[in-house]
Amino acid sequence: MKISLIGLAEGLHSLHFEEEPENCGIVAHPNLTNRIQIDVDLERRVSRLILRNTINTVGRFTCDRCLTEFDRTIVDTGRVVFTSDEELLALSEDEVHLLEKDAREIDVTNDIRDLVLLAVPAKILCSEDCKGLCPHCGVNLNEETCLCGVRPLDPRWQALQKLFN
């Protein structure tokens, strides 16, 4: 995804894009197939560009506890700096990129891709209080109670059970 700098005066600019995941560098991701809304607040200065990128999309996920499919809105914000200042570039992390003096456009594909992928939680739950599946009979405990009843206690745990009684 590229942003044109032609005719872009110094100051603050707000840009809005709506892109397919493939155009943002997200190829064949099983959960992210909807279009991505991207809002960019771009501040242009003499030797640098400061971008505040906000992404918003909906992904289709499977709960890690109960295996129910659900839609989840993914929203996140990140900041990126493009600069021609070599000293700042040498001291920086990944969020600072080189800005060529005669640049006509900047490519933010990798920054948007990273922002979207890092916004997807590692542990995906349909809700914070998801009860998951019964480990014995496989019933979804969010929808019904378990039919396997009270199972006899393993004799190795009886001493621990006495502490709770």
Protein backbone atom coordinates (compact mmCIF):
# COMPACT_ATOMS: atom_id res chain seq x y z
CA MET A 1 0.00 0.00 0.00
CA LYS A 2 1.59 3.22 -1.13
CA ILE A 3 0.85 6.82 -0.21
CA SER A 4 1.62 9.49 -2.79
CA LEU A 5 3.59 12.52 -1.59
CA ILE A 6 3.07 14.54 -4.77
CA GLY A 7 1.39 17.83 -3.94
CA LEU A 8 1.30 17.04 -0.21
CA ALA A 9 2.07 20.30 1.61
CA GLU A 10 3.65 20.53 5.04
CA GLY A 11 1.18 20.11 7.87
CA LEU A 12 -1.38 17.58 9.04
CA HIS A 13 -3.35 15.46 6.57
CA SER A 14 -6.02 12.81 7.17
CA LEU A 15 -6.32 9.96 4.67
CA HIS A 16 -8.72 7.03 4.51
CA PHE A 17 -8.22 3.77 2.63
CA GLU A 18 -10.24 0.60 2.30
CA GLU A 19 -8.09 -2.30 1.13
CA GLU A 20 -8.29 -6.03 0.59
CA PRO A 21 -5.99 -7.99 2.93
CA GLU A 22 -3.81 -9.03 -0.03
CA ASN A 23 -3.07 -5.36 -0.82
CA CYS A 24 -1.78 -4.97 2.75
CA GLY A 25 0.59 -7.91 2.53
CA ILE A 26 -1.76 -10.36 4.28
CA VAL A 27 -1.80 -13.33 1.94
CA ALA A 28 -3.95 -16.44 2.54
CA HIS A 29 -4.70 -15.71 6.21
CA PRO A 30 -7.59 -18.04 7.13
CA ASN A 31 -9.25 -15.59 9.54
CA LEU A 32 -8.76 -12.23 7.85
CA THR A 33 -10.74 -12.09 4.62
CA ASN A 34 -12.77 -8.87 5.05
CA ARG A 35 -11.65 -5.49 3.75
CA ILE A 36 -9.44 -3.44 6.07
CA GLN A 37 -10.38 0.16 6.91
CA ILE A 38 -7.21 2.24 7.29
CA ASP A 39 -7.16 5.79 8.65
CA VAL A 40 -3.84 7.62 8.35
CA ASP A 41 -3.07 10.89 10.13
CA LEU A 42 0.03 12.09 8.30
CA GLU A 43 2.09 15.03 9.50
CA ARG A 44 4.55 16.27 6.90
CA ARG A 45 7.59 18.24 8.03
CA VAL A 46 10.71 19.36 6.18
CA SER A 47 12.77 16.19 6.70
CA ARG A 48 10.25 13.71 8.05
CA LEU A 49 6.77 12.24 7.87
CA ILE A 50 4.97 11.10 11.00
CA LEU A 51 2.12 8.65 10.41
CA ARG A 52 -0.49 7.47 12.88
CA ASN A 53 -2.15 4.43 11.30
CA THR A 54 -5.46 3.07 12.62
CA ILE A 55 -6.78 -0.22 11.26
CA ASN A 56 -10.27 -1.65 11.59
CA THR A 57 -11.46 -4.98 10.19
CA VAL A 58 -13.56 -8.00 11.10
CA GLY A 59 -12.09 -11.48 11.30
CA ARG A 60 -13.80 -14.88 11.50
CA PHE A 61 -12.27 -16.95 14.32
CA THR A 62 -12.75 -20.24 16.16
CA CYS A 63 -12.78 -20.06 19.96
CA ASP A 64 -9.78 -21.84 21.50
CA ARG A 65 -11.92 -23.22 24.35
CA CYS A 66 -15.30 -24.19 22.89
CA LEU A 67 -14.52 -24.34 19.13
CA THR A 68 -17.46 -22.04 18.26
CA GLU A 69 -16.99 -19.82 15.20
CA PHE A 70 -17.54 -16.10 15.75
CA ASP A 71 -16.73 -12.70 14.24
CA ARG A 72 -14.37 -10.35 16.09
CA THR A 73 -13.60 -6.73 15.29
CA ILE A 74 -9.88 -6.03 15.09
CA VAL A 75 -8.88 -2.42 15.85
CA ASP A 76 -5.38 -1.10 16.54
CA THR A 77 -3.24 2.00 16.13
CA GLY A 78 0.45 2.30 15.34
CA ARG A 79 2.93 5.05 14.65
CA VAL A 80 5.56 5.13 11.90
CA VAL A 81 8.17 7.77 11.07
CA PHE A 82 9.84 8.31 7.70
CA THR A 83 12.92 10.52 7.97
CA SER A 84 15.90 11.68 5.93
CA ASP A 85 17.87 12.34 9.15
CA GLU A 86 20.62 9.69 9.14
CA GLU A 87 21.33 10.08 12.89
CA LEU A 88 17.71 9.47 13.87
CA LEU A 89 17.57 6.52 11.50
CA ALA A 90 20.68 4.94 13.08
CA LEU A 91 19.23 5.23 16.61
CA SER A 92 15.78 3.98 15.72
CA GLU A 93 13.84 0.77 15.86
CA ASP A 94 11.62 -0.81 13.21
CA GLU A 95 9.09 2.04 13.22
CA VAL A 96 11.52 4.51 11.59
CA HIS A 97 12.23 4.25 7.86
CA LEU A 98 14.45 6.12 5.43
CA LEU A 99 12.75 8.90 3.48
CA GLU A 100 14.58 9.66 0.24
CA LYS A 101 14.87 13.40 -0.39
CA ASP A 102 13.15 13.14 -3.78
CA ALA A 103 10.60 10.48 -2.75
CA ARG A 104 7.31 10.64 -4.63
CA GLU A 105 5.58 8.01 -2.49
CA ILE A 106 6.04 5.91 0.63
CA ASP A 107 5.22 2.24 1.02
CA VAL A 108 3.43 1.37 4.27
CA THR A 109 2.42 -2.18 3.29
CA ASN A 110 4.69 -3.89 5.84
CA ASP A 111 3.70 -1.48 8.61
CA ILE A 112 -0.03 -2.04 8.01
CA ARG A 113 0.46 -5.82 7.74
CA ASP A 114 2.38 -5.90 11.04
CA LEU A 115 -0.25 -3.74 12.74
CA VAL A 116 -3.10 -6.03 11.64
CA LEU A 117 -1.34 -9.31 12.46
CA LEU A 118 -0.15 -8.11 15.88
CA ALA A 119 -3.69 -6.96 16.72
CA VAL A 120 -4.98 -10.55 16.47
CA PRO A 121 -4.83 -12.03 20.00
CA ALA A 122 -2.72 -15.14 20.58
CA LYS A 123 -5.52 -16.74 22.64
CA ILE A 124 -8.81 -16.26 20.84
CA LEU A 125 -11.93 -16.62 22.99
CA CYS A 126 -15.57 -16.09 22.01
CA SER A 127 -16.06 -14.35 25.38
CA GLU A 128 -13.99 -13.76 28.50
CA ASP A 129 -16.18 -16.16 30.52
CA CYS A 130 -16.19 -19.00 27.96
CA LYS A 131 -16.51 -22.34 29.79
CA GLY A 132 -15.13 -24.43 26.94
CA LEU A 133 -15.86 -28.10 26.29
CA CYS A 134 -16.27 -30.88 28.84
CA PRO A 135 -13.00 -32.85 28.74
CA HIS A 136 -14.90 -36.13 29.16
CA CYS A 137 -18.00 -35.96 26.94
CA GLY A 138 -17.17 -32.95 24.71
CA VAL A 139 -20.37 -30.96 25.42
CA ASN A 140 -20.10 -27.20 24.93
CA LEU A 141 -20.52 -26.01 28.53
CA ASN A 142 -21.68 -22.57 27.35
CA GLU A 143 -24.80 -24.10 25.80
CA GLU A 144 -25.72 -27.01 28.08
CA THR A 145 -24.64 -28.87 31.18
CA CYS A 146 -22.44 -31.89 31.05
CA LEU A 147 -24.16 -35.31 30.93
CA CYS A 148 -21.27 -37.35 32.25
CA GLY A 149 -22.25 -36.57 35.86
CA VAL A 150 -20.02 -36.74 38.89
CA ARG A 151 -17.18 -39.08 38.20
CA PRO A 152 -15.53 -41.04 41.00
CA LEU A 153 -12.45 -39.29 42.36
CA ASP A 154 -9.06 -40.74 41.51
CA PRO A 155 -7.70 -42.18 44.79
CA ARG A 156 -4.46 -40.24 44.33
CA TRP A 157 -6.39 -36.96 44.80
CA GLN A 158 -8.34 -37.98 47.94
CA ALA A 159 -5.91 -36.28 50.33
CA LEU A 160 -6.30 -33.01 48.45
CA GLN A 161 -10.10 -33.41 48.40
CA LYS A 162 -10.12 -33.62 52.21
CA LEU A 163 -8.67 -30.10 52.35
CA PHE A 164 -11.70 -28.74 50.47
CA ASN A 165 -14.25 -30.55 52.69
